[in-house]
Amino acid sequence: YYEDSVKGRFTISRDNAANTVYLQMTSLQPEDTAVYYCAQRARTTW
């Protein structure tokens, strides 16, 4: 799932064997400047 302004530019993926999630960001713009946080849900339902 993506926020509209990043669709087509950002790609989220995960490697569960490595317990790692990635965010590939391309065509970056000044408005993308921010602190980026990752987050995890505590429960398996969503």
ModelCIF file with pLDDT and N, C-alpha, C, O atoms, coordinates in Angstrom:
data_MODEL
#
_entry.id   MODEL 
#
_entity.id                         1 
_entity.type                       polymer 
_entity.pdbx_number_of_molecules   1 
#
_entity_poly.entity_id                      1 
_entity_poly.type                           'polypeptide(L)' 
_entity_poly.nstd_linkage                   no 
_entity_poly.nstd_monomer                   no 
_entity_poly.pdbx_seq_one_letter_code       YYEDSVKGRFTISRDNAANTVYLQMTSLQPEDTAVYYCAQRARTTW 
_entity_poly.pdbx_seq_one_letter_code_can   YYEDSVKGRFTISRDNAANTVYLQMTSLQPEDTAVYYCAQRARTTW 
_entity_poly.pdbx_strand_id                 A 
#
loop_
_entity_poly_seq.entity_id 
_entity_poly_seq.num 
_entity_poly_seq.mon_id 
_entity_poly_seq.hetero 
1 1  TYR n 
1 2  TYR n 
1 3  GLU n 
1 4  ASP n 
1 5  SER n 
1 6  VAL n 
1 7  LYS n 
1 8  GLY n 
1 9  ARG n 
1 10 PHE n 
1 11 THR n 
1 12 ILE n 
1 13 SER n 
1 14 ARG n 
1 15 ASP n 
1 16 ASN n 
1 17 ALA n 
1 18 ALA n 
1 19 ASN n 
1 20 THR n 
1 21 VAL n 
1 22 TYR n 
1 23 LEU n 
1 24 GLN n 
1 25 MET n 
1 26 THR n 
1 27 SER n 
1 28 LEU n 
1 29 GLN n 
1 30 PRO n 
1 31 GLU n 
1 32 ASP n 
1 33 THR n 
1 34 ALA n 
1 35 VAL n 
1 36 TYR n 
1 37 TYR n 
1 38 CYS n 
1 39 ALA n 
1 40 GLN n 
1 41 ARG n 
1 42 ALA n 
1 43 ARG n 
1 44 THR n 
1 45 THR n 
1 46 TRP n 
#
_struct_asym.id          A 
_struct_asym.entity_id   1 
#
loop_
_ma_qa_metric.id 
_ma_qa_metric.mode 
_ma_qa_metric.name 
_ma_qa_metric.software_group_id 
_ma_qa_metric.type 
1 global pLDDT . pLDDT 
2 local  pLDDT . pLDDT 
#
_ma_qa_metric_global.metric_id      1 
_ma_qa_metric_global.metric_value   95.96 
_ma_qa_metric_global.model_id       1 
_ma_qa_metric_global.ordinal_id     1 
#
loop_
_ma_qa_metric_local.label_asym_id 
_ma_qa_metric_local.label_comp_id 
_ma_qa_metric_local.label_seq_id 
_ma_qa_metric_local.metric_id 
_ma_qa_metric_local.metric_value 
_ma_qa_metric_local.model_id 
_ma_qa_metric_local.ordinal_id 
A TYR 1  2 97.00 1 1  
A TYR 2  2 98.00 1 2  
A GLU 3  2 97.00 1 3  
A ASP 4  2 97.00 1 4  
A SER 5  2 97.00 1 5  
A VAL 6  2 98.00 1 6  
A LYS 7  2 98.00 1 7  
A GLY 8  2 97.00 1 8  
A ARG 9  2 98.00 1 9  
A PHE 10 2 98.00 1 10 
A THR 11 2 98.00 1 11 
A ILE 12 2 98.00 1 12 
A SER 13 2 98.00 1 13 
A ARG 14 2 96.00 1 14 
A ASP 15 2 95.00 1 15 
A ASN 16 2 92.00 1 16 
A ALA 17 2 93.00 1 17 
A ALA 18 2 93.00 1 18 
A ASN 19 2 94.00 1 19 
A THR 20 2 96.00 1 20 
A VAL 21 2 97.00 1 21 
A TYR 22 2 98.00 1 22 
A LEU 23 2 98.00 1 23 
A GLN 24 2 98.00 1 24 
A MET 25 2 98.00 1 25 
A THR 26 2 98.00 1 26 
A SER 27 2 98.00 1 27 
A LEU 28 2 98.00 1 28 
A GLN 29 2 98.00 1 29 
A PRO 30 2 97.00 1 30 
A GLU 31 2 97.00 1 31 
A ASP 32 2 98.00 1 32 
A THR 33 2 98.00 1 33 
A ALA 34 2 98.00 1 34 
A VAL 35 2 98.00 1 35 
A TYR 36 2 98.00 1 36 
A TYR 37 2 98.00 1 37 
A CYS 38 2 98.00 1 38 
A ALA 39 2 97.00 1 39 
A GLN 40 2 96.00 1 40 
A ARG 41 2 91.00 1 41 
A ALA 42 2 88.00 1 42 
A ARG 43 2 90.00 1 43 
A THR 44 2 88.00 1 44 
A THR 45 2 87.00 1 45 
A TRP 46 2 88.00 1 46 
#
loop_
_atom_site.group_PDB 
_atom_site.id 
_atom_site.type_symbol 
_atom_site.label_atom_id 
_atom_site.label_alt_id 
_atom_site.label_comp_id 
_atom_site.label_asym_id 
_atom_site.label_entity_id 
_atom_site.label_seq_id 
_atom_site.pdbx_PDB_ins_code 
_atom_site.Cartn_x 
_atom_site.Cartn_y 
_atom_site.Cartn_z 
_atom_site.occupancy 
_atom_site.B_iso_or_equiv 
_atom_site.pdbx_formal_charge 
_atom_site.auth_seq_id 
_atom_site.auth_comp_id 
_atom_site.auth_asym_id 
_atom_site.auth_atom_id 
_atom_site.pdbx_PDB_model_num 
ATOM 1   N N  . TYR A 1 1  ? 0.854  -1.174  0.000  1.00 97.00 ? 1  TYR A N  1 
ATOM 2   C CA . TYR A 1 1  ? 0.000  0.000   0.000  1.00 97.00 ? 1  TYR A CA 1 
ATOM 3   C C  . TYR A 1 1  ? 0.897  1.233   0.000  1.00 97.00 ? 1  TYR A C  1 
ATOM 4   O O  . TYR A 1 1  ? 1.956  1.246   0.627  1.00 97.00 ? 1  TYR A O  1 
ATOM 5   N N  . TYR A 1 2  ? 0.457  2.267   -0.712 1.00 98.00 ? 2  TYR A N  1 
ATOM 6   C CA . TYR A 1 2  ? 1.287  3.461   -0.837 1.00 98.00 ? 2  TYR A CA 1 
ATOM 7   C C  . TYR A 1 2  ? 0.459  4.727   -0.701 1.00 98.00 ? 2  TYR A C  1 
ATOM 8   O O  . TYR A 1 2  ? -0.709 4.773   -1.086 1.00 98.00 ? 2  TYR A O  1 
ATOM 9   N N  . GLU A 1 3  ? 1.083  5.739   -0.151 1.00 97.00 ? 3  GLU A N  1 
ATOM 10  C CA . GLU A 1 3  ? 0.513  7.080   -0.174 1.00 97.00 ? 3  GLU A CA 1 
ATOM 11  C C  . GLU A 1 3  ? 0.563  7.568   -1.619 1.00 97.00 ? 3  GLU A C  1 
ATOM 12  O O  . GLU A 1 3  ? 1.497  7.246   -2.353 1.00 97.00 ? 3  GLU A O  1 
ATOM 13  N N  . ASP A 1 4  ? -0.426 8.334   -2.023 1.00 97.00 ? 4  ASP A N  1 
ATOM 14  C CA . ASP A 1 4  ? -0.558 8.691   -3.438 1.00 97.00 ? 4  ASP A CA 1 
ATOM 15  C C  . ASP A 1 4  ? 0.687  9.368   -4.012 1.00 97.00 ? 4  ASP A C  1 
ATOM 16  O O  . ASP A 1 4  ? 1.072  9.094   -5.149 1.00 97.00 ? 4  ASP A O  1 
ATOM 17  N N  . SER A 1 5  ? 1.314  10.245  -3.238 1.00 97.00 ? 5  SER A N  1 
ATOM 18  C CA . SER A 1 5  ? 2.423  11.018  -3.798 1.00 97.00 ? 5  SER A CA 1 
ATOM 19  C C  . SER A 1 5  ? 3.686  10.191  -4.049 1.00 97.00 ? 5  SER A C  1 
ATOM 20  O O  . SER A 1 5  ? 4.597  10.655  -4.734 1.00 97.00 ? 5  SER A O  1 
ATOM 21  N N  . VAL A 1 6  ? 3.751  8.986   -3.510 1.00 98.00 ? 6  VAL A N  1 
ATOM 22  C CA . VAL A 1 6  ? 4.947  8.159   -3.708 1.00 98.00 ? 6  VAL A CA 1 
ATOM 23  C C  . VAL A 1 6  ? 4.700  6.982   -4.639 1.00 98.00 ? 6  VAL A C  1 
ATOM 24  O O  . VAL A 1 6  ? 5.632  6.260   -4.990 1.00 98.00 ? 6  VAL A O  1 
ATOM 25  N N  . LYS A 1 7  ? 3.462  6.789   -5.035 1.00 98.00 ? 7  LYS A N  1 
ATOM 26  C CA . LYS A 1 7  ? 3.153  5.678   -5.942 1.00 98.00 ? 7  LYS A CA 1 
ATOM 27  C C  . LYS A 1 7  ? 3.955  5.812   -7.234 1.00 98.00 ? 7  LYS A C  1 
ATOM 28  O O  . LYS A 1 7  ? 4.034  6.892   -7.820 1.00 98.00 ? 7  LYS A O  1 
ATOM 29  N N  . GLY A 1 8  ? 4.541  4.716   -7.664 1.00 97.00 ? 8  GLY A N  1 
ATOM 30  C CA . GLY A 1 8  ? 5.353  4.735   -8.866 1.00 97.00 ? 8  GLY A CA 1 
ATOM 31  C C  . GLY A 1 8  ? 6.790  5.175   -8.637 1.00 97.00 ? 8  GLY A C  1 
ATOM 32  O O  . GLY A 1 8  ? 7.633  5.022   -9.521 1.00 97.00 ? 8  GLY A O  1 
ATOM 33  N N  . ARG A 1 9  ? 7.080  5.719   -7.461 1.00 98.00 ? 9  ARG A N  1 
ATOM 34  C CA . ARG A 1 9  ? 8.453  6.163   -7.148 1.00 98.00 ? 9  ARG A CA 1 
ATOM 35  C C  . ARG A 1 9  ? 9.079  5.331   -6.026 1.00 98.00 ? 9  ARG A C  1 
ATOM 36  O O  . ARG A 1 9  ? 10.278 5.054   -6.054 1.00 98.00 ? 9  ARG A O  1 
ATOM 37  N N  . PHE A 1 10 ? 8.276  4.936   -5.047 1.00 98.00 ? 10 PHE A N  1 
ATOM 38  C CA . PHE A 1 10 ? 8.764  4.175   -3.898 1.00 98.00 ? 10 PHE A CA 1 
ATOM 39  C C  . PHE A 1 10 ? 8.263  2.739   -3.992 1.00 98.00 ? 10 PHE A C  1 
ATOM 40  O O  . PHE A 1 10 ? 7.171  2.479   -4.496 1.00 98.00 ? 10 PHE A O  1 
ATOM 41  N N  . THR A 1 11 ? 9.075  1.817   -3.500 1.00 98.00 ? 11 THR A N  1 
ATOM 42  C CA . THR A 1 11 ? 8.701  0.413   -3.450 1.00 98.00 ? 11 THR A CA 1 
ATOM 43  C C  . THR A 1 11 ? 9.048  -0.159  -2.086 1.00 98.00 ? 11 THR A C  1 
ATOM 44  O O  . THR A 1 11 ? 10.196 -0.096  -1.644 1.00 98.00 ? 11 THR A O  1 
ATOM 45  N N  . ILE A 1 12 ? 8.041  -0.717  -1.425 1.00 98.00 ? 12 ILE A N  1 
ATOM 46  C CA . ILE A 1 12 ? 8.284  -1.376  -0.149 1.00 98.00 ? 12 ILE A CA 1 
ATOM 47  C C  . ILE A 1 12 ? 8.423  -2.871  -0.392 1.00 98.00 ? 12 ILE A C  1 
ATOM 48  O O  . ILE A 1 12 ? 7.709  -3.442  -1.217 1.00 98.00 ? 12 ILE A O  1 
ATOM 49  N N  . SER A 1 13 ? 9.336  -3.496  0.321  1.00 98.00 ? 13 SER A N  1 
ATOM 50  C CA . SER A 1 13 ? 9.532  -4.934  0.186  1.00 98.00 ? 13 SER A CA 1 
ATOM 51  C C  . SER A 1 13 ? 10.042 -5.470  1.516  1.00 98.00 ? 13 SER A C  1 
ATOM 52  O O  . SER A 1 13 ? 10.392 -4.702  2.412  1.00 98.00 ? 13 SER A O  1 
ATOM 53  N N  . ARG A 1 14 ? 10.081 -6.776  1.636  1.00 96.00 ? 14 ARG A N  1 
ATOM 54  C CA . ARG A 1 14 ? 10.571 -7.357  2.873  1.00 96.00 ? 14 ARG A CA 1 
ATOM 55  C C  . ARG A 1 14 ? 11.277 -8.672  2.596  1.00 96.00 ? 14 ARG A C  1 
ATOM 56  O O  . ARG A 1 14 ? 10.948 -9.391  1.653  1.00 96.00 ? 14 ARG A O  1 
ATOM 57  N N  . ASP A 1 15 ? 12.246 -8.966  3.431  1.00 95.00 ? 15 ASP A N  1 
ATOM 58  C CA . ASP A 1 15 ? 12.958 -10.238 3.420  1.00 95.00 ? 15 ASP A CA 1 
ATOM 59  C C  . ASP A 1 15 ? 12.740 -10.850 4.793  1.00 95.00 ? 15 ASP A C  1 
ATOM 60  O O  . ASP A 1 15 ? 13.447 -10.526 5.747  1.00 95.00 ? 15 ASP A O  1 
ATOM 61  N N  . ASN A 1 16 ? 11.776 -11.720 4.886  1.00 92.00 ? 16 ASN A N  1 
ATOM 62  C CA . ASN A 1 16 ? 11.427 -12.262 6.199  1.00 92.00 ? 16 ASN A CA 1 
ATOM 63  C C  . ASN A 1 16 ? 12.535 -13.149 6.771  1.00 92.00 ? 16 ASN A C  1 
ATOM 64  O O  . ASN A 1 16 ? 12.677 -13.258 7.989  1.00 92.00 ? 16 ASN A O  1 
ATOM 65  N N  . ALA A 1 17 ? 13.295 -13.762 5.919  1.00 93.00 ? 17 ALA A N  1 
ATOM 66  C CA . ALA A 1 17 ? 14.408 -14.579 6.415  1.00 93.00 ? 17 ALA A CA 1 
ATOM 67  C C  . ALA A 1 17 ? 15.441 -13.714 7.122  1.00 93.00 ? 17 ALA A C  1 
ATOM 68  O O  . ALA A 1 17 ? 16.130 -14.167 8.037  1.00 93.00 ? 17 ALA A O  1 
ATOM 69  N N  . ALA A 1 18 ? 15.539 -12.457 6.683  1.00 93.00 ? 18 ALA A N  1 
ATOM 70  C CA . ALA A 1 18 ? 16.497 -11.533 7.269  1.00 93.00 ? 18 ALA A CA 1 
ATOM 71  C C  . ALA A 1 18 ? 15.847 -10.591 8.278  1.00 93.00 ? 18 ALA A C  1 
ATOM 72  O O  . ALA A 1 18 ? 16.518 -9.730  8.847  1.00 93.00 ? 18 ALA A O  1 
ATOM 73  N N  . ASN A 1 19 ? 14.537 -10.752 8.503  1.00 94.00 ? 19 ASN A N  1 
ATOM 74  C CA . ASN A 1 19 ? 13.813 -9.871  9.427  1.00 94.00 ? 19 ASN A CA 1 
ATOM 75  C C  . ASN A 1 19 ? 14.003 -8.400  9.068  1.00 94.00 ? 19 ASN A C  1 
ATOM 76  O O  . ASN A 1 19 ? 14.203 -7.560  9.944  1.00 94.00 ? 19 ASN A O  1 
ATOM 77  N N  . THR A 1 20 ? 13.940 -8.099  7.780  1.00 96.00 ? 20 THR A N  1 
ATOM 78  C CA . THR A 1 20 ? 14.220 -6.744  7.317  1.00 96.00 ? 20 THR A CA 1 
ATOM 79  C C  . THR A 1 20 ? 13.164 -6.291  6.315  1.00 96.00 ? 20 THR A C  1 
ATOM 80  O O  . THR A 1 20 ? 12.705 -7.064  5.473  1.00 96.00 ? 20 THR A O  1 
ATOM 81  N N  . VAL A 1 21 ? 12.794 -5.031  6.426  1.00 97.00 ? 21 VAL A N  1 
ATOM 82  C CA . VAL A 1 21 ? 11.890 -4.389  5.480  1.00 97.00 ? 21 VAL A CA 1 
ATOM 83  C C  . VAL A 1 21 ? 12.649 -3.261  4.801  1.00 97.00 ? 21 VAL A C  1 
ATOM 84  O O  . VAL A 1 21 ? 13.481 -2.595  5.417  1.00 97.00 ? 21 VAL A O  1 
ATOM 85  N N  . TYR A 1 22 ? 12.354 -3.058  3.538  1.00 98.00 ? 22 TYR A N  1 
ATOM 86  C CA . TYR A 1 22 ? 13.072 -2.058  2.747  1.00 98.00 ? 22 TYR A CA 1 
ATOM 87  C C  . TYR A 1 22 ? 12.103 -1.034  2.160  1.00 98.00 ? 22 TYR A C  1 
ATOM 88  O O  . TYR A 1 22 ? 10.919 -1.305  1.964  1.00 98.00 ? 22 TYR A O  1 
ATOM 89  N N  . LEU A 1 23 ? 12.639 0.132   1.892  1.00 98.00 ? 23 LEU A N  1 
ATOM 90  C CA . LEU A 1 23 ? 11.893 1.141   1.144  1.00 98.00 ? 23 LEU A CA 1 
ATOM 91  C C  . LEU A 1 23 ? 12.838 1.691   0.080  1.00 98.00 ? 23 LEU A C  1 
ATOM 92  O O  . LEU A 1 23 ? 13.742 2.473   0.376  1.00 98.00 ? 23 LEU A O  1 
ATOM 93  N N  . GLN A 1 24 ? 12.614 1.271   -1.153 1.00 98.00 ? 24 GLN A N  1 
ATOM 94  C CA . GLN A 1 24 ? 13.399 1.783   -2.264 1.00 98.00 ? 24 GLN A CA 1 
ATOM 95  C C  . GLN A 1 24 ? 12.744 3.062   -2.754 1.00 98.00 ? 24 GLN A C  1 
ATOM 96  O O  . GLN A 1 24 ? 11.569 3.065   -3.120 1.00 98.00 ? 24 GLN A O  1 
ATOM 97  N N  . MET A 1 25 ? 13.501 4.144   -2.762 1.00 98.00 ? 25 MET A N  1 
ATOM 98  C CA . MET A 1 25 ? 12.954 5.450   -3.137 1.00 98.00 ? 25 MET A CA 1 
ATOM 99  C C  . MET A 1 25 ? 13.694 5.959   -4.368 1.00 98.00 ? 25 MET A C  1 
ATOM 100 O O  . MET A 1 25 ? 14.921 6.060   -4.369 1.00 98.00 ? 25 MET A O  1 
ATOM 101 N N  . THR A 1 26 ? 12.947 6.272   -5.397 1.00 98.00 ? 26 THR A N  1 
ATOM 102 C CA . THR A 1 26 ? 13.534 6.814   -6.629 1.00 98.00 ? 26 THR A CA 1 
ATOM 103 C C  . THR A 1 26 ? 12.871 8.136   -6.971 1.00 98.00 ? 26 THR A C  1 
ATOM 104 O O  . THR A 1 26 ? 11.844 8.492   -6.393 1.00 98.00 ? 26 THR A O  1 
ATOM 105 N N  . SER A 1 27 ? 13.458 8.857   -7.906 1.00 98.00 ? 27 SER A N  1 
ATOM 106 C CA . SER A 1 27 ? 12.925 10.159  -8.338 1.00 98.00 ? 27 SER A CA 1 
ATOM 107 C C  . SER A 1 27 ? 12.609 11.039  -7.147 1.00 98.00 ? 27 SER A C  1 
ATOM 108 O O  . SER A 1 27 ? 11.541 11.647  -7.078 1.00 98.00 ? 27 SER A O  1 
ATOM 109 N N  . LEU A 1 28 ? 13.532 11.104  -6.218 1.00 98.00 ? 28 LEU A N  1 
ATOM 110 C CA . LEU A 1 28 ? 13.296 11.859  -4.987 1.00 98.00 ? 28 LEU A CA 1 
ATOM 111 C C  . LEU A 1 28 ? 13.157 13.344  -5.262 1.00 98.00 ? 28 LEU A C  1 
ATOM 112 O O  . LEU A 1 28 ? 13.832 13.903  -6.126 1.00 98.00 ? 28 LEU A O  1 
ATOM 113 N N  . GLN A 1 29 ? 12.270 13.967  -4.509 1.00 98.00 ? 29 GLN A N  1 
ATOM 114 C CA . GLN A 1 29 ? 11.959 15.391  -4.630 1.00 98.00 ? 29 GLN A CA 1 
ATOM 115 C C  . GLN A 1 29 ? 12.213 16.079  -3.289 1.00 98.00 ? 29 GLN A C  1 
ATOM 116 O O  . GLN A 1 29 ? 12.207 15.425  -2.246 1.00 98.00 ? 29 GLN A O  1 
ATOM 117 N N  . PRO A 1 30 ? 12.432 17.378  -3.310 1.00 97.00 ? 30 PRO A N  1 
ATOM 118 C CA . PRO A 1 30 ? 12.651 18.089  -2.038 1.00 97.00 ? 30 PRO A CA 1 
ATOM 119 C C  . PRO A 1 30 ? 11.532 17.868  -1.029 1.00 97.00 ? 30 PRO A C  1 
ATOM 120 O O  . PRO A 1 30 ? 11.784 17.852  0.176  1.00 97.00 ? 30 PRO A O  1 
ATOM 121 N N  . GLU A 1 31 ? 10.315 17.699  -1.497 1.00 97.00 ? 31 GLU A N  1 
ATOM 122 C CA . GLU A 1 31 ? 9.191  17.479  -0.574 1.00 97.00 ? 31 GLU A CA 1 
ATOM 123 C C  . GLU A 1 31 ? 9.225  16.112  0.086  1.00 97.00 ? 31 GLU A C  1 
ATOM 124 O O  . GLU A 1 31 ? 8.426  15.840  0.983  1.00 97.00 ? 31 GLU A O  1 
ATOM 125 N N  . ASP A 1 32 ? 10.137 15.245  -0.341 1.00 98.00 ? 32 ASP A N  1 
ATOM 126 C CA . ASP A 1 32 ? 10.319 13.950  0.319  1.00 98.00 ? 32 ASP A CA 1 
ATOM 127 C C  . ASP A 1 32 ? 11.244 14.072  1.533  1.00 98.00 ? 32 ASP A C  1 
ATOM 128 O O  . ASP A 1 32 ? 11.423 13.105  2.275  1.00 98.00 ? 32 ASP A O  1 
ATOM 129 N N  . THR A 1 33 ? 11.818 15.230  1.734  1.00 98.00 ? 33 THR A N  1 
ATOM 130 C CA . THR A 1 33 ? 12.708 15.446  2.873  1.00 98.00 ? 33 THR A CA 1 
ATOM 131 C C  . THR A 1 33 ? 11.947 15.270  4.178  1.00 98.00 ? 33 THR A C  1 
ATOM 132 O O  . THR A 1 33 ? 10.934 15.931  4.411  1.00 98.00 ? 33 THR A O  1 
ATOM 133 N N  . ALA A 1 34 ? 12.438 14.379  5.024  1.00 98.00 ? 34 ALA A N  1 
ATOM 134 C CA . ALA A 1 34 ? 11.768 14.071  6.287  1.00 98.00 ? 34 ALA A CA 1 
ATOM 135 C C  . ALA A 1 34 ? 12.603 13.054  7.052  1.00 98.00 ? 34 ALA A C  1 
ATOM 136 O O  . ALA A 1 34 ? 13.575 12.505  6.533  1.00 98.00 ? 34 ALA A O  1 
ATOM 137 N N  . VAL A 1 35 ? 12.207 12.818  8.285  1.00 98.00 ? 35 VAL A N  1 
ATOM 138 C CA . VAL A 1 35 ? 12.706 11.665  9.026  1.00 98.00 ? 35 VAL A CA 1 
ATOM 139 C C  . VAL A 1 35 ? 11.766 10.507  8.709  1.00 98.00 ? 35 VAL A C  1 
ATOM 140 O O  . VAL A 1 35 ? 10.548 10.626  8.836  1.00 98.00 ? 35 VAL A O  1 
ATOM 141 N N  . TYR A 1 36 ? 12.347 9.393   8.297  1.00 98.00 ? 36 TYR A N  1 
ATOM 142 C CA . TYR A 1 36 ? 11.568 8.224   7.923  1.00 98.00 ? 36 TYR A CA 1 
ATOM 143 C C  . TYR A 1 36 ? 11.622 7.186   9.036  1.00 98.00 ? 36 TYR A C  1 
ATOM 144 O O  . TYR A 1 36 ? 12.691 6.853   9.545  1.00 98.00 ? 36 TYR A O  1 
ATOM 145 N N  . TYR A 1 37 ? 10.452 6.686   9.399  1.00 98.00 ? 37 TYR A N  1 
ATOM 146 C CA . TYR A 1 37 ? 10.326 5.713   10.480 1.00 98.00 ? 37 TYR A CA 1 
ATOM 147 C C  . TYR A 1 37 ? 9.710  4.419   9.962  1.00 98.00 ? 37 TYR A C  1 
ATOM 148 O O  . TYR A 1 37 ? 8.787  4.442   9.147  1.00 98.00 ? 37 TYR A O  1 
ATOM 149 N N  . CYS A 1 38 ? 10.222 3.304   10.436 1.00 98.00 ? 38 CYS A N  1 
ATOM 150 C CA . CYS A 1 38 ? 9.514  2.059   10.164 1.00 98.00 ? 38 CYS A CA 1 
ATOM 151 C C  . CYS A 1 38 ? 8.734  1.666   11.407 1.00 98.00 ? 38 CYS A C  1 
ATOM 152 O O  . CYS A 1 38 ? 9.068  2.064   12.523 1.00 98.00 ? 38 CYS A O  1 
ATOM 153 N N  . ALA A 1 39 ? 7.694  0.880   11.195 1.00 97.00 ? 39 ALA A N  1 
ATOM 154 C CA . ALA A 1 39 ? 6.801  0.517   12.282 1.00 97.00 ? 39 ALA A CA 1 
ATOM 155 C C  . ALA A 1 39 ? 6.286  -0.895  12.064 1.00 97.00 ? 39 ALA A C  1 
ATOM 156 O O  . ALA A 1 39 ? 6.181  -1.375  10.936 1.00 97.00 ? 39 ALA A O  1 
ATOM 157 N N  . GLN A 1 40 ? 5.971  -1.541  13.169 1.00 96.00 ? 40 GLN A N  1 
ATOM 158 C CA . GLN A 1 40 ? 5.478  -2.928  13.124 1.00 96.00 ? 40 GLN A CA 1 
ATOM 159 C C  . GLN A 1 40 ? 4.235  -3.055  13.996 1.00 96.00 ? 40 GLN A C  1 
ATOM 160 O O  . GLN A 1 40 ? 4.153  -2.505  15.094 1.00 96.00 ? 40 GLN A O  1 
ATOM 161 N N  . ARG A 1 41 ? 3.294  -3.787  13.473 1.00 91.00 ? 41 ARG A N  1 
ATOM 162 C CA . ARG A 1 41 ? 2.074  -4.044  14.239 1.00 91.00 ? 41 ARG A CA 1 
ATOM 163 C C  . ARG A 1 41 ? 2.341  -5.183  15.223 1.00 91.00 ? 41 ARG A C  1 
ATOM 164 O O  . ARG A 1 41 ? 3.042  -6.140  14.897 1.00 91.00 ? 41 ARG A O  1 
ATOM 165 N N  . ALA A 1 42 ? 1.779  -5.074  16.427 1.00 88.00 ? 42 ALA A N  1 
ATOM 166 C CA . ALA A 1 42 ? 2.005  -6.090  17.460 1.00 88.00 ? 42 ALA A CA 1 
ATOM 167 C C  . ALA A 1 42 ? 1.207  -7.354  17.205 1.00 88.00 ? 42 ALA A C  1 
ATOM 168 O O  . ALA A 1 42 ? 1.646  -8.449  17.556 1.00 88.00 ? 42 ALA A O  1 
ATOM 169 N N  . ARG A 1 43 ? 0.035  -7.213  16.594 1.00 90.00 ? 43 ARG A N  1 
ATOM 170 C CA . ARG A 1 43 ? -0.826 -8.374  16.375 1.00 90.00 ? 43 ARG A CA 1 
ATOM 171 C C  . ARG A 1 43 ? -0.769 -8.825  14.918 1.00 90.00 ? 43 ARG A C  1 
ATOM 172 O O  . ARG A 1 43 ? -0.380 -8.068  14.029 1.00 90.00 ? 43 ARG A O  1 
ATOM 173 N N  . THR A 1 44 ? -1.165 -10.068 14.701 1.00 88.00 ? 44 THR A N  1 
ATOM 174 C CA . THR A 1 44 ? -1.116 -10.615 13.342 1.00 88.00 ? 44 THR A CA 1 
ATOM 175 C C  . THR A 1 44 ? -2.301 -10.176 12.496 1.00 88.00 ? 44 THR A C  1 
ATOM 176 O O  . THR A 1 44 ? -2.244 -10.258 11.269 1.00 88.00 ? 44 THR A O  1 
ATOM 177 N N  . THR A 1 45 ? -3.371 -9.710  13.129 1.00 87.00 ? 45 THR A N  1 
ATOM 178 C CA . THR A 1 45 ? -4.537 -9.260  12.384 1.00 87.00 ? 45 THR A CA 1 
ATOM 179 C C  . THR A 1 45 ? -4.365 -7.801  11.979 1.00 87.00 ? 45 THR A C  1 
ATOM 180 O O  . THR A 1 45 ? -3.710 -7.023  12.673 1.00 87.00 ? 45 THR A O  1 
ATOM 181 N N  . TRP A 1 46 ? -4.962 -7.443  10.849 1.00 88.00 ? 46 TRP A N  1 
ATOM 182 C CA . TRP A 1 46 ? -4.865 -6.061  10.369 1.00 88.00 ? 46 TRP A CA 1 
ATOM 183 C C  . TRP A 1 46 ? -5.911 -5.849  9.293  1.00 88.00 ? 46 TRP A C  1 
ATOM 184 O O  . TRP A 1 46 ? -6.015 -4.754  8.741  1.00 88.00 ? 46 TRP A O  1 
#
